[in-house]
Protein backbone atom coordinates (compact mmCIF):
# COMPACT_ATOMS: atom_id res chain seq x y z
CA MET A 1 -93.93 74.96 1.68
CA PHE A 2 -97.59 75.90 2.35
CA TRP A 3 -98.53 73.16 3.87
CA LYS A 4 -95.60 72.26 5.54
CA ILE A 5 -97.13 76.35 7.12
CA THR A 6 -100.00 74.89 7.46
CA ALA A 7 -99.39 70.97 9.41
CA PHE A 8 -97.05 73.14 11.00
CA GLU A 9 -99.67 75.48 12.95
CA VAL A 10 -101.96 72.55 13.61
CA ARG A 11 -99.12 70.77 15.29
CA PHE A 12 -98.55 73.88 17.14
CA TRP A 13 -102.33 74.09 18.86
CA LEU A 14 -102.64 70.49 19.13
CA ARG A 15 -99.85 70.76 21.80
CA SER A 16 -101.60 73.34 23.43
CA TRP A 17 -104.03 72.61 26.30
CA MET A 18 -105.54 75.93 25.46
CA LEU A 19 -107.52 74.00 22.60
CA TRP A 20 -108.23 70.88 24.63
CA MET A 21 -109.58 72.94 27.42
CA PHE A 22 -112.12 74.99 25.32
CA PHE A 23 -113.19 71.24 23.55
CA LEU A 24 -113.29 69.98 27.15
CA GLY A 25 -115.83 72.64 28.06
CA ILE A 26 -118.16 72.63 25.35
CA THR A 27 -117.86 68.62 25.84
CA LEU A 28 -119.00 68.67 29.30
CA LEU A 29 -121.75 71.71 28.67
CA ILE A 30 -123.36 69.42 25.66
CA PHE A 31 -123.01 66.20 27.71
CA GLY A 32 -124.89 67.93 30.61
CA ALA A 33 -127.33 69.29 28.61
CA VAL A 34 -128.58 66.17 27.04
CA SER A 35 -128.26 63.35 29.72
CA THR A 36 -130.16 65.42 32.38
CA ASP A 37 -133.11 67.90 32.14
CA GLN A 38 -131.13 70.45 35.28
CA ILE A 39 -128.66 72.22 32.25
CA GLN A 40 -130.42 73.76 29.48
CA VAL A 41 -129.13 74.65 25.93
CA GLY A 42 -131.78 76.07 24.13
CA ALA A 43 -135.29 74.84 23.31
CA ALA A 44 -136.39 72.50 25.95
CA LEU A 45 -135.40 68.75 24.96
CA SER A 46 -139.14 67.46 26.19
CA ASN A 47 -141.08 65.78 22.69
CA THR A 48 -137.94 64.52 20.91
CA TYR A 49 -135.50 62.04 20.72
CA ARG A 50 -132.15 63.24 22.80
CA ASN A 51 -130.05 62.80 19.68
CA ALA A 52 -132.25 63.70 17.10
CA PRO A 53 -130.62 64.99 14.04
CA PHE A 54 -132.77 68.25 14.79
CA VAL A 55 -131.27 68.60 17.90
CA ILE A 56 -127.38 67.90 17.12
CA GLN A 57 -127.46 70.33 14.47
CA ASN A 58 -129.47 72.97 17.03
CA TYR A 59 -126.60 72.22 19.47
CA TYR A 60 -123.93 73.03 16.42
CA ALA A 61 -126.06 76.22 15.73
CA ILE A 62 -126.04 77.37 18.98
CA ILE A 63 -121.89 76.99 20.05
CA GLY A 64 -120.98 77.99 16.58
CA LEU A 65 -121.98 81.15 18.00
CA LEU A 66 -120.29 80.96 21.85
CA THR A 67 -116.71 79.46 19.78
CA LEU A 68 -116.26 82.93 17.17
CA LEU A 69 -114.97 84.54 21.18
CA MET A 70 -112.51 81.30 21.33
CA ALA A 71 -111.77 81.26 17.57
CA THR A 72 -109.91 85.05 18.90
CA ALA A 73 -107.69 83.45 20.47
CA PHE A 74 -106.62 81.02 18.19
CA VAL A 75 -106.54 83.63 14.77
CA ASN A 76 -104.76 85.87 16.92
CA SER A 77 -101.81 83.90 17.52
CA ALA A 78 -101.73 82.44 14.10
CA ALA A 79 -101.52 86.48 12.65
CA LEU A 80 -99.32 87.93 15.39
CA ARG A 81 -97.13 85.03 17.04
CA ASP A 82 -93.67 86.15 15.12
CA PHE A 83 -94.15 89.98 16.21
CA LYS A 84 -95.08 89.43 19.45
CA TYR A 85 -91.79 86.77 20.09
CA ASN A 86 -89.72 89.18 17.37
CA THR A 87 -89.00 86.17 15.02
CA TYR A 88 -90.45 87.45 12.07
CA GLN A 89 -87.42 89.08 11.37
CA ILE A 90 -85.95 85.51 10.80
CA LEU A 91 -88.90 83.80 9.57
CA PHE A 92 -89.19 86.56 6.36
CA THR A 93 -85.81 85.47 4.99
CA THR A 94 -86.48 82.58 3.88
CA PRO A 95 -87.40 81.89 0.72
CA MET A 96 -91.36 81.80 0.66
CA ARG A 97 -93.99 84.27 -0.13
CA ARG A 98 -95.72 86.33 1.19
CA ARG A 99 -99.53 84.63 0.11
CA ASP A 100 -98.42 81.17 0.92
CA PHE A 101 -97.47 82.18 4.55
CA LEU A 102 -100.81 84.00 5.02
CA LEU A 103 -102.94 81.70 3.83
CA ALA A 104 -101.37 78.95 5.65
CA ARG A 105 -101.53 80.88 9.36
CA PHE A 106 -105.14 81.24 8.16
CA LEU A 107 -106.00 78.07 6.86
CA GLY A 108 -104.01 75.97 10.28
CA ALA A 109 -105.92 78.61 12.35
CA THR A 110 -109.72 77.80 10.50
CA VAL A 111 -108.95 74.23 11.20
CA VAL A 112 -108.04 73.97 14.58
CA SER A 113 -110.66 76.40 15.73
CA VAL A 114 -113.65 73.91 14.53
CA ILE A 115 -112.20 71.48 16.96
CA PRO A 116 -113.87 72.77 20.50
CA MET A 117 -117.15 72.48 17.69
CA MET A 118 -116.80 68.86 18.03
CA GLY A 119 -117.29 68.92 21.44
CA VAL A 120 -120.98 69.15 20.77
CA SER A 121 -121.19 65.68 19.03
CA ALA A 122 -118.61 64.25 21.59
CA GLY A 123 -120.83 65.13 24.46
CA ILE A 124 -124.03 63.93 22.70
CA LEU A 125 -121.97 60.24 21.94
CA LEU A 126 -120.98 59.99 25.45
CA ALA A 127 -123.98 60.28 27.32
CA LYS A 128 -126.18 57.99 25.13
CA TYR A 129 -124.28 55.33 27.30
CA MET A 130 -124.63 56.72 30.28
CA PRO A 131 -126.41 54.38 33.66
CA TRP A 132 -128.87 57.16 34.21
CA VAL A 133 -130.28 58.42 31.50
CA ASP A 134 -133.56 56.48 30.00
CA PRO A 135 -133.46 54.51 26.77
CA GLU A 136 -136.41 55.64 25.66
CA ARG A 137 -135.56 58.92 25.05
CA TRP A 138 -133.06 58.17 23.08
CA ASP A 139 -132.50 57.30 19.05
CA ALA A 140 -129.60 55.09 17.03
CA VAL A 141 -126.42 56.82 16.34
CA HIS A 142 -127.33 59.55 13.81
CA TRP A 143 -123.73 60.10 12.18
CA ALA A 144 -124.88 61.70 8.90
CA ALA A 145 -126.36 64.41 11.77
CA HIS A 146 -123.35 65.33 12.86
CA LEU A 147 -121.53 65.10 9.80
CA LYS A 148 -124.07 67.55 9.01
CA GLY A 149 -123.54 69.61 11.57
CA ILE A 150 -119.85 70.07 11.28
CA TYR A 151 -120.18 71.30 7.55
CA VAL A 152 -123.24 73.60 7.54
CA PHE A 153 -122.64 75.48 11.28
CA ALA A 154 -118.98 74.45 12.08
CA LEU A 155 -117.01 75.05 9.35
CA PRO A 156 -118.92 78.68 8.08
CA ASN A 157 -118.78 79.42 10.97
CA ALA A 158 -114.97 78.97 11.80
CA PHE A 159 -113.72 80.47 8.53
CA PHE A 160 -115.78 83.43 8.13
CA MET A 161 -115.26 84.66 11.91
CA ALA A 162 -111.42 83.49 11.56
CA ALA A 163 -111.28 85.51 7.88
CA ILE A 164 -112.53 88.59 9.65
CA LEU A 165 -110.26 87.95 12.76
CA PHE A 166 -107.00 87.33 10.12
CA ALA A 167 -107.39 90.25 8.26
CA MET A 168 -107.90 92.41 10.96
CA GLU A 169 -104.57 91.69 12.79
CA THR A 170 -102.60 91.60 9.49
CA ALA A 171 -103.29 95.30 7.94
CA CYS A 172 -103.49 96.84 11.55
CA TYR A 173 -101.13 95.34 13.88
CA ARG A 174 -98.82 98.40 13.81
CA THR A 175 -102.08 100.26 14.70
CA SER A 176 -104.65 98.43 17.15
CA SER A 177 -105.31 94.87 18.47
CA MET A 178 -107.89 93.18 19.79
CA LYS A 179 -108.09 94.74 22.68
CA ARG A 180 -108.79 97.33 20.66
CA PRO A 181 -111.33 96.68 17.69
CA LEU A 182 -112.92 99.96 16.79
CA PRO A 183 -109.79 101.84 15.69
CA CYS A 184 -108.69 98.48 13.78
CA LEU A 185 -112.28 98.26 12.36
CA ILE A 186 -112.21 101.62 10.89
CA HIS A 187 -108.39 101.39 9.70
CA LEU A 188 -109.22 98.34 7.90
CA PRO A 189 -110.91 99.51 4.67
CA PHE A 190 -107.89 102.07 4.79
CA GLU A 191 -105.27 99.33 4.33
CA LEU A 192 -107.55 97.42 2.13
CA SER A 193 -107.37 100.24 0.25
CA ARG A 194 -103.83 100.77 -0.54
CA TRP A 195 -102.99 97.14 -0.83
CA SER A 196 -101.66 96.41 -4.28
CA PRO A 197 -101.96 92.49 -5.54
CA SER A 198 -99.64 92.76 -8.18
CA THR A 199 -96.76 93.48 -5.41
CA GLY A 200 -98.04 91.98 -2.71
CA GLN A 201 -97.50 95.06 -0.59
CA SER A 202 -99.14 98.74 0.58
CA ARG A 203 -98.56 101.46 -1.74
CA ARG A 204 -97.80 103.58 0.89
CA ARG A 205 -94.99 101.69 2.49
CA THR A 206 -93.92 101.62 -1.43
CA HIS A 207 -94.26 105.09 -1.97
CA LYS A 208 -91.29 105.67 1.57
CA LEU A 209 -89.59 102.74 0.07
CA GLN A 210 -88.96 105.24 -3.04
CA VAL A 211 -89.13 108.34 -1.50
């Protein structure tokens, strides 16, 4: 059930135009930055190859901060989609554990949040073969640098931001939303302090049911 829910979440976003618009936007931004001097992202590329490993990982670090805002859309939808469309009554009556359901939704949203950041590699690889670029400013393709940029910058950034946003949404959906992040941040420690790991339920809600 865990992997089925994760696969469903990933497939849901792969069919969404918003994911590919984010990916295309980052691809075009990096493509313009490395193929011309008119667009600059971060430091200027003056005395180095335009596809050097340092340049690739520097772009991943910069874009990682930008895509933190994009991750909000994926994580927010994954956490609250069932409540938004009022289908949680049907879903929560199925024989599955709440832990598996939440972790699967979280993992799916995290994986999807990495996809727009891969536009960095797509933009650099595409710009290398453009007819107007100077071949002397380009080195051979460093695949290891692209992979390192993904698992050193893209994955940790996506995981960290998705964990914070998902915790906020699942713990505070009754009291606030992403339109009111400050009340949710204040309320989050109290919700987590009431959580019972053995039952997977809030102590406060269990007490109300007993009364």
